Amino acid sequence: MWREIWEKHSGKLIGTACGAILGIVYLIAGFWDMLIFAFLVFIGYYVGRKLDRREPLFEREELLQWLTERWRMFR
């Protein structure tokens, strides 16, 4: 059972664990850093999910298009 879970969701498990470990460091600093902790866990899960699906972390063309549209108003 654990082997099957590991094979299907290894990226999410590793990403969430890394986010949780990094989040604990911030959590020790104080209560309000709980938001940072939750954000880091979410980022770890998101990256792990992308790795499980063998998807790129971000689409290069979409990012370049968004940046050019975003910065065009300053020209």
PDB file of N, CA and C in Angstrom:
ATOM      1  N   MET A   1       0.812  -1.190   0.000  1.00  0.00           N
ATOM      2  CA  MET A   1       0.000   0.000   0.000  1.00  0.00           C
ATOM      3  C   MET A   1       0.863   1.265   0.000  1.00  0.00           C
ATOM      4  N   TRP A   2       1.852   1.339   0.897  1.00  0.00           N
ATOM      5  CA  TRP A   2       2.713   2.533   0.962  1.00  0.00           C
ATOM      6  C   TRP A   2       3.542   2.675  -0.301  1.00  0.00           C
ATOM      7  N   ARG A   3       3.946   1.544  -0.871  1.00  0.00           N
ATOM      8  CA  ARG A   3       4.745   1.587  -2.097  1.00  0.00           C
ATOM      9  C   ARG A   3       3.922   2.175  -3.247  1.00  0.00           C
ATOM     10  N   GLU A   4       2.662   1.795  -3.319  1.00  0.00           N
ATOM     11  CA  GLU A   4       1.781   2.314  -4.358  1.00  0.00           C
ATOM     12  C   GLU A   4       1.571   3.822  -4.194  1.00  0.00           C
ATOM     13  N   ILE A   5       1.372   4.251  -2.960  1.00  0.00           N
ATOM     14  CA  ILE A   5       1.216   5.687  -2.692  1.00  0.00           C
ATOM     15  C   ILE A   5       2.486   6.430  -3.071  1.00  0.00           C
ATOM     16  N   TRP A   6       3.644   5.867  -2.725  1.00  0.00           N
ATOM     17  CA  TRP A   6       4.916   6.507  -3.048  1.00  0.00           C
ATOM     18  C   TRP A   6       5.119   6.612  -4.556  1.00  0.00           C
ATOM     19  N   GLU A   7       4.762   5.548  -5.292  1.00  0.00           N
ATOM     20  CA  GLU A   7       4.957   5.551  -6.739  1.00  0.00           C
ATOM     21  C   GLU A   7       4.054   6.560  -7.436  1.00  0.00           C
ATOM     22  N   LYS A   8       2.850   6.733  -6.955  1.00  0.00           N
ATOM     23  CA  LYS A   8       1.908   7.645  -7.600  1.00  0.00           C
ATOM     24  C   LYS A   8       2.085   9.094  -7.171  1.00  0.00           C
ATOM     25  N   HIS A   9       2.525   9.326  -5.944  1.00  0.00           N
ATOM     26  CA  HIS A   9       2.534  10.689  -5.401  1.00  0.00           C
ATOM     27  C   HIS A   9       3.877  11.078  -4.780  1.00  0.00           C
ATOM     28  N   SER A  10       4.959  10.548  -5.289  1.00  0.00           N
ATOM     29  CA  SER A  10       6.261  10.826  -4.671  1.00  0.00           C
ATOM     30  C   SER A  10       6.629  12.308  -4.738  1.00  0.00           C
ATOM     31  N   GLY A  11       6.361  12.948  -5.854  1.00  0.00           N
ATOM     32  CA  GLY A  11       6.681  14.368  -5.976  1.00  0.00           C
ATOM     33  C   GLY A  11       5.913  15.228  -4.997  1.00  0.00           C
ATOM     34  N   LYS A  12       4.625  14.934  -4.838  1.00  0.00           N
ATOM     35  CA  LYS A  12       3.808  15.706  -3.895  1.00  0.00           C
ATOM     36  C   LYS A  12       4.262  15.478  -2.458  1.00  0.00           C
ATOM     37  N   LEU A  13       4.617  14.235  -2.143  1.00  0.00           N
ATOM     38  CA  LEU A  13       5.073  13.935  -0.781  1.00  0.00           C
ATOM     39  C   LEU A  13       6.390  14.643  -0.479  1.00  0.00           C
ATOM     40  N   ILE A  14       7.328  14.590  -1.405  1.00  0.00           N
ATOM     41  CA  ILE A  14       8.621  15.247  -1.203  1.00  0.00           C
ATOM     42  C   ILE A  14       8.443  16.764  -1.146  1.00  0.00           C
ATOM     43  N   GLY A  15       7.663  17.306  -2.054  1.00  0.00           N
ATOM     44  CA  GLY A  15       7.445  18.754  -2.072  1.00  0.00           C
ATOM     45  C   GLY A  15       6.775  19.259  -0.810  1.00  0.00           C
ATOM     46  N   THR A  16       5.763  18.523  -0.352  1.00  0.00           N
ATOM     47  CA  THR A  16       5.068  18.929   0.865  1.00  0.00           C
ATOM     48  C   THR A  16       5.983  18.807   2.080  1.00  0.00           C
ATOM     49  N   ALA A  17       6.786  17.752   2.127  1.00  0.00           N
ATOM     50  CA  ALA A  17       7.715  17.572   3.244  1.00  0.00           C
ATOM     51  C   ALA A  17       8.754  18.704   3.266  1.00  0.00           C
ATOM     52  N   CYS A  18       9.286  19.050   2.112  1.00  0.00           N
ATOM     53  CA  CYS A  18      10.263  20.152   2.058  1.00  0.00           C
ATOM     54  C   CYS A  18       9.622  21.468   2.472  1.00  0.00           C
ATOM     55  N   GLY A  19       8.409  21.715   1.989  1.00  0.00           N
ATOM     56  CA  GLY A  19       7.707  22.929   2.386  1.00  0.00           C
ATOM     57  C   GLY A  19       7.427  22.959   3.874  1.00  0.00           C
ATOM     58  N   ALA A  20       7.062  21.801   4.438  1.00  0.00           N
ATOM     59  CA  ALA A  20       6.780  21.740   5.875  1.00  0.00           C
ATOM     60  C   ALA A  20       8.044  21.971   6.696  1.00  0.00           C
ATOM     61  N   ILE A  21       9.139  21.399   6.278  1.00  0.00           N
ATOM     62  CA  ILE A  21      10.404  21.582   7.006  1.00  0.00           C
ATOM     63  C   ILE A  21      10.831  23.044   6.966  1.00  0.00           C
ATOM     64  N   LEU A  22      10.781  23.648   5.781  1.00  0.00           N
ATOM     65  CA  LEU A  22      11.131  25.064   5.687  1.00  0.00           C
ATOM     66  C   LEU A  22      10.134  25.931   6.444  1.00  0.00           C
ATOM     67  N   GLY A  23       8.870  25.532   6.424  1.00  0.00           N
ATOM     68  CA  GLY A  23       7.856  26.284   7.144  1.00  0.00           C
ATOM     69  C   GLY A  23       8.044  26.235   8.642  1.00  0.00           C
ATOM     70  N   ILE A  24       8.500  25.113   9.169  1.00  0.00           N
ATOM     71  CA  ILE A  24       8.724  24.991  10.616  1.00  0.00           C
ATOM     72  C   ILE A  24       9.781  25.987  11.080  1.00  0.00           C
ATOM     73  N   VAL A  25      10.772  26.217  10.243  1.00  0.00           N
ATOM     74  CA  VAL A  25      11.801  27.201  10.590  1.00  0.00           C
ATOM     75  C   VAL A  25      11.158  28.577  10.786  1.00  0.00           C
ATOM     76  N   TYR A  26      10.258  28.946   9.896  1.00  0.00           N
ATOM     77  CA  TYR A  26       9.564  30.222  10.036  1.00  0.00           C
ATOM     78  C   TYR A  26       8.561  30.187  11.179  1.00  0.00           C
ATOM     79  N   LEU A  27       7.953  29.040  11.410  1.00  0.00           N
ATOM     80  CA  LEU A  27       6.944  28.915  12.453  1.00  0.00           C
ATOM     81  C   LEU A  27       7.537  29.135  13.838  1.00  0.00           C
ATOM     82  N   ILE A  28       8.765  28.746  14.029  1.00  0.00           N
ATOM     83  CA  ILE A  28       9.435  28.918  15.318  1.00  0.00           C
ATOM     84  C   ILE A  28       9.576  30.397  15.660  1.00  0.00           C
ATOM     85  N   ALA A  29       9.681  31.227  14.631  1.00  0.00           N
ATOM     86  CA  ALA A  29       9.907  32.656  14.853  1.00  0.00           C
ATOM     87  C   ALA A  29       8.700  33.368  15.462  1.00  0.00           C
ATOM     88  N   GLY A  30       7.493  32.849  15.277  1.00  0.00           N
ATOM     89  CA  GLY A  30       6.322  33.509  15.856  1.00  0.00           C
ATOM     90  C   GLY A  30       5.019  33.045  15.236  1.00  0.00           C
ATOM     91  N   PHE A  31       3.925  33.431  15.871  1.00  0.00           N
ATOM     92  CA  PHE A  31       2.604  32.979  15.451  1.00  0.00           C
ATOM     93  C   PHE A  31       2.213  33.510  14.081  1.00  0.00           C
ATOM     94  N   TRP A  32       2.517  34.768  13.797  1.00  0.00           N
ATOM     95  CA  TRP A  32       2.078  35.364  12.542  1.00  0.00           C
ATOM     96  C   TRP A  32       2.784  34.782  11.337  1.00  0.00           C
ATOM     97  N   ASP A  33       3.871  34.115  11.575  1.00  0.00           N
ATOM     98  CA  ASP A  33       4.561  33.462  10.467  1.00  0.00           C
ATOM     99  C   ASP A  33       3.854  32.191  10.018  1.00  0.00           C
ATOM    100  N   MET A  34       2.725  31.879  10.648  1.00  0.00           N
ATOM    101  CA  MET A  34       1.923  30.736  10.234  1.00  0.00           C
ATOM    102  C   MET A  34       1.477  30.886   8.782  1.00  0.00           C
ATOM    103  N   LEU A  35       1.219  32.112   8.351  1.00  0.00           N
ATOM    104  CA  LEU A  35       0.835  32.342   6.967  1.00  0.00           C
ATOM    105  C   LEU A  35       1.963  31.959   6.018  1.00  0.00           C
ATOM    106  N   ILE A  36       3.171  32.289   6.387  1.00  0.00           N
ATOM    107  CA  ILE A  36       4.320  31.913   5.578  1.00  0.00           C
ATOM    108  C   ILE A  36       4.455  30.397   5.551  1.00  0.00           C
ATOM    109  N   PHE A  37       4.233  29.747   6.683  1.00  0.00           N
ATOM    110  CA  PHE A  37       4.278  28.291   6.760  1.00  0.00           C
ATOM    111  C   PHE A  37       3.278  27.662   5.792  1.00  0.00           C
ATOM    112  N   ALA A  38       2.040  28.127   5.820  1.00  0.00           N
ATOM    113  CA  ALA A  38       1.009  27.578   4.936  1.00  0.00           C
ATOM    114  C   ALA A  38       1.361  27.825   3.476  1.00  0.00           C
ATOM    115  N   PHE A  39       1.900  28.986   3.182  1.00  0.00           N
ATOM    116  CA  PHE A  39       2.284  29.301   1.812  1.00  0.00           C
ATOM    117  C   PHE A  39       3.406  28.384   1.329  1.00  0.00           C
ATOM    118  N   LEU A  40       4.401  28.139   2.174  1.00  0.00           N
ATOM    119  CA  LEU A  40       5.497  27.254   1.791  1.00  0.00           C
ATOM    120  C   LEU A  40       5.029  25.817   1.572  1.00  0.00           C
ATOM    121  N   VAL A  41       4.115  25.348   2.398  1.00  0.00           N
ATOM    122  CA  VAL A  41       3.569  23.996   2.207  1.00  0.00           C
ATOM    123  C   VAL A  41       2.806  23.935   0.888  1.00  0.00           C
ATOM    124  N   PHE A  42       2.033  24.962   0.588  1.00  0.00           N
ATOM    125  CA  PHE A  42       1.294  24.984  -0.674  1.00  0.00           C
ATOM    126  C   PHE A  42       2.244  24.990  -1.867  1.00  0.00           C
ATOM    127  N   ILE A  43       3.289  25.790  -1.808  1.00  0.00           N
ATOM    128  CA  ILE A  43       4.264  25.833  -2.900  1.00  0.00           C
ATOM    129  C   ILE A  43       4.916  24.462  -3.079  1.00  0.00           C
ATOM    130  N   GLY A  44       5.275  23.815  -1.976  1.00  0.00           N
ATOM    131  CA  GLY A  44       5.857  22.476  -2.056  1.00  0.00           C
ATOM    132  C   GLY A  44       4.907  21.479  -2.688  1.00  0.00           C
ATOM    133  N   TYR A  45       3.636  21.535  -2.325  1.00  0.00           N
ATOM    134  CA  TYR A  45       2.646  20.640  -2.906  1.00  0.00           C
ATOM    135  C   TYR A  45       2.480  20.921  -4.395  1.00  0.00           C
ATOM    136  N   TYR A  46       2.423  22.183  -4.768  1.00  0.00           N
ATOM    137  CA  TYR A  46       2.237  22.570  -6.162  1.00  0.00           C
ATOM    138  C   TYR A  46       3.393  22.075  -7.030  1.00  0.00           C
ATOM    139  N   VAL A  47       4.619  22.282  -6.568  1.00  0.00           N
ATOM    140  CA  VAL A  47       5.786  21.826  -7.318  1.00  0.00           C
ATOM    141  C   VAL A  47       5.790  20.300  -7.399  1.00  0.00           C
ATOM    142  N   GLY A  48       5.467  19.634  -6.310  1.00  0.00           N
ATOM    143  CA  GLY A  48       5.410  18.176  -6.318  1.00  0.00           C
ATOM    144  C   GLY A  48       4.360  17.639  -7.265  1.00  0.00           C
ATOM    145  N   ARG A  49       3.213  18.293  -7.321  1.00  0.00           N
ATOM    146  CA  ARG A  49       2.156  17.865  -8.242  1.00  0.00           C
ATOM    147  C   ARG A  49       2.602  18.010  -9.682  1.00  0.00           C
ATOM    148  N   LYS A  50       3.291  19.104  -9.989  1.00  0.00           N
ATOM    149  CA  LYS A  50       3.815  19.303 -11.342  1.00  0.00           C
ATOM    150  C   LYS A  50       4.833  18.215 -11.684  1.00  0.00           C
ATOM    151  N   LEU A  51       5.693  17.856 -10.721  1.00  0.00           N
ATOM    152  CA  LEU A  51       6.683  16.813 -10.970  1.00  0.00           C
ATOM    153  C   LEU A  51       6.022  15.453 -11.167  1.00  0.00           C
ATOM    154  N   ASP A  52       4.980  15.152 -10.413  1.00  0.00           N
ATOM    155  CA  ASP A  52       4.264  13.886 -10.582  1.00  0.00           C
ATOM    156  C   ASP A  52       3.641  13.780 -11.965  1.00  0.00           C
ATOM    157  N   ARG A  53       3.131  14.857 -12.466  1.00  0.00           N
ATOM    158  CA  ARG A  53       2.487  14.859 -13.784  1.00  0.00           C
ATOM    159  C   ARG A  53       3.486  15.039 -14.925  1.00  0.00           C
ATOM    160  N   ARG A  54       4.757  15.205 -14.578  1.00  0.00           N
ATOM    161  CA  ARG A  54       5.832  15.434 -15.542  1.00  0.00           C
ATOM    162  C   ARG A  54       5.552  16.671 -16.405  1.00  0.00           C
ATOM    163  N   GLU A  55       5.027  17.697 -15.763  1.00  0.00           N
ATOM    164  CA  GLU A  55       4.749  18.966 -16.418  1.00  0.00           C
ATOM    165  C   GLU A  55       5.854  19.956 -16.073  1.00  0.00           C
ATOM    166  N   PRO A  56       6.117  20.923 -16.950  1.00  0.00           N
ATOM    167  CA  PRO A  56       7.081  21.966 -16.581  1.00  0.00           C
ATOM    168  C   PRO A  56       6.505  22.827 -15.455  1.00  0.00           C
ATOM    169  N   LEU A  57       7.375  23.409 -14.649  1.00  0.00           N
ATOM    170  CA  LEU A  57       6.906  24.227 -13.528  1.00  0.00           C
ATOM    171  C   LEU A  57       6.175  25.469 -14.003  1.00  0.00           C
ATOM    172  N   PHE A  58       6.578  26.006 -15.136  1.00  0.00           N
ATOM    173  CA  PHE A  58       5.864  27.132 -15.725  1.00  0.00           C
ATOM    174  C   PHE A  58       6.014  27.037 -17.232  1.00  0.00           C
ATOM    175  N   GLU A  59       5.008  27.530 -17.933  1.00  0.00           N
ATOM    176  CA  GLU A  59       5.032  27.545 -19.387  1.00  0.00           C
ATOM    177  C   GLU A  59       5.814  28.769 -19.847  1.00  0.00           C
ATOM    178  N   ARG A  60       6.877  28.538 -20.567  1.00  0.00           N
ATOM    179  CA  ARG A  60       7.768  29.613 -20.963  1.00  0.00           C
ATOM    180  C   ARG A  60       7.068  30.644 -21.849  1.00  0.00           C
ATOM    181  N   GLU A  61       6.326  30.158 -22.850  1.00  0.00           N
ATOM    182  CA  GLU A  61       5.669  31.077 -23.778  1.00  0.00           C
ATOM    183  C   GLU A  61       4.601  31.913 -23.072  1.00  0.00           C
ATOM    184  N   GLU A  62       3.815  31.277 -22.222  1.00  0.00           N
ATOM    185  CA  GLU A  62       2.778  32.006 -21.488  1.00  0.00           C
ATOM    186  C   GLU A  62       3.389  33.051 -20.558  1.00  0.00           C
ATOM    187  N   LEU A  63       4.493  32.702 -19.902  1.00  0.00           N
ATOM    188  CA  LEU A  63       5.162  33.648 -19.017  1.00  0.00           C
ATOM    189  C   LEU A  63       5.713  34.842 -19.793  1.00  0.00           C
ATOM    190  N   LEU A  64       6.368  34.580 -20.930  1.00  0.00           N
ATOM    191  CA  LEU A  64       6.900  35.677 -21.743  1.00  0.00           C
ATOM    192  C   LEU A  64       5.785  36.567 -22.276  1.00  0.00           C
ATOM    193  N   GLN A  65       4.680  35.966 -22.711  1.00  0.00           N
ATOM    194  CA  GLN A  65       3.549  36.746 -23.198  1.00  0.00           C
ATOM    195  C   GLN A  65       2.966  37.602 -22.080  1.00  0.00           C
ATOM    196  N   TRP A  66       2.811  37.036 -20.903  1.00  0.00           N
ATOM    197  CA  TRP A  66       2.261  37.787 -19.775  1.00  0.00           C
ATOM    198  C   TRP A  66       3.170  38.949 -19.399  1.00  0.00           C
ATOM    199  N   LEU A  67       4.480  38.691 -19.381  1.00  0.00           N
ATOM    200  CA  LEU A  67       5.420  39.757 -19.019  1.00  0.00           C
ATOM    201  C   LEU A  67       5.436  40.870 -20.059  1.00  0.00           C
ATOM    202  N   THR A  68       5.404  40.511 -21.340  1.00  0.00           N
ATOM    203  CA  THR A  68       5.425  41.561 -22.362  1.00  0.00           C
ATOM    204  C   THR A  68       4.139  42.376 -22.342  1.00  0.00           C
ATOM    205  N   GLU A  69       3.001  41.729 -22.115  1.00  0.00           N
ATOM    206  CA  GLU A  69       1.752  42.482 -22.011  1.00  0.00           C
ATOM    207  C   GLU A  69       1.747  43.365 -20.769  1.00  0.00           C
ATOM    208  N   ARG A  70       2.321  42.860 -19.690  1.00  0.00           N
ATOM    209  CA  ARG A  70       2.332  43.580 -18.418  1.00  0.00           C
ATOM    210  C   ARG A  70       3.216  44.821 -18.499  1.00  0.00           C
ATOM    211  N   TRP A  71       4.364  44.714 -19.144  1.00  0.00           N
ATOM    212  CA  TRP A  71       5.324  45.811 -19.183  1.00  0.00           C
ATOM    213  C   TRP A  71       5.107  46.739 -20.379  1.00  0.00           C
ATOM    214  N   ARG A  72       4.225  46.374 -21.281  1.00  0.00           N
ATOM    215  CA  ARG A  72       3.972  47.203 -22.464  1.00  0.00           C
ATOM    216  C   ARG A  72       3.387  48.550 -22.087  1.00  0.00           C
ATOM    217  N   MET A  73       2.620  48.612 -21.008  1.00  0.00           N
ATOM    218  CA  MET A  73       1.985  49.871 -20.623  1.00  0.00           C
ATOM    219  C   MET A  73       2.992  50.897 -20.123  1.00  0.00           C
ATOM    220  N   PHE A  74       4.221  50.486 -19.832  1.00  0.00           N
ATOM    221  CA  PHE A  74       5.235  51.439 -19.358  1.00  0.00           C
ATOM    222  C   PHE A  74       6.091  51.992 -20.475  1.00  0.00           C
ATOM    223  N   ARG A  75       5.828  51.590 -21.696  1.00  0.00           N
ATOM    224  CA  ARG A  75       6.635  52.089 -22.824  1.00  0.00           C
ATOM    225  C   ARG A  75       6.143  53.418 -23.315  1.00  0.00           C
TER     226      ARG A  75
END
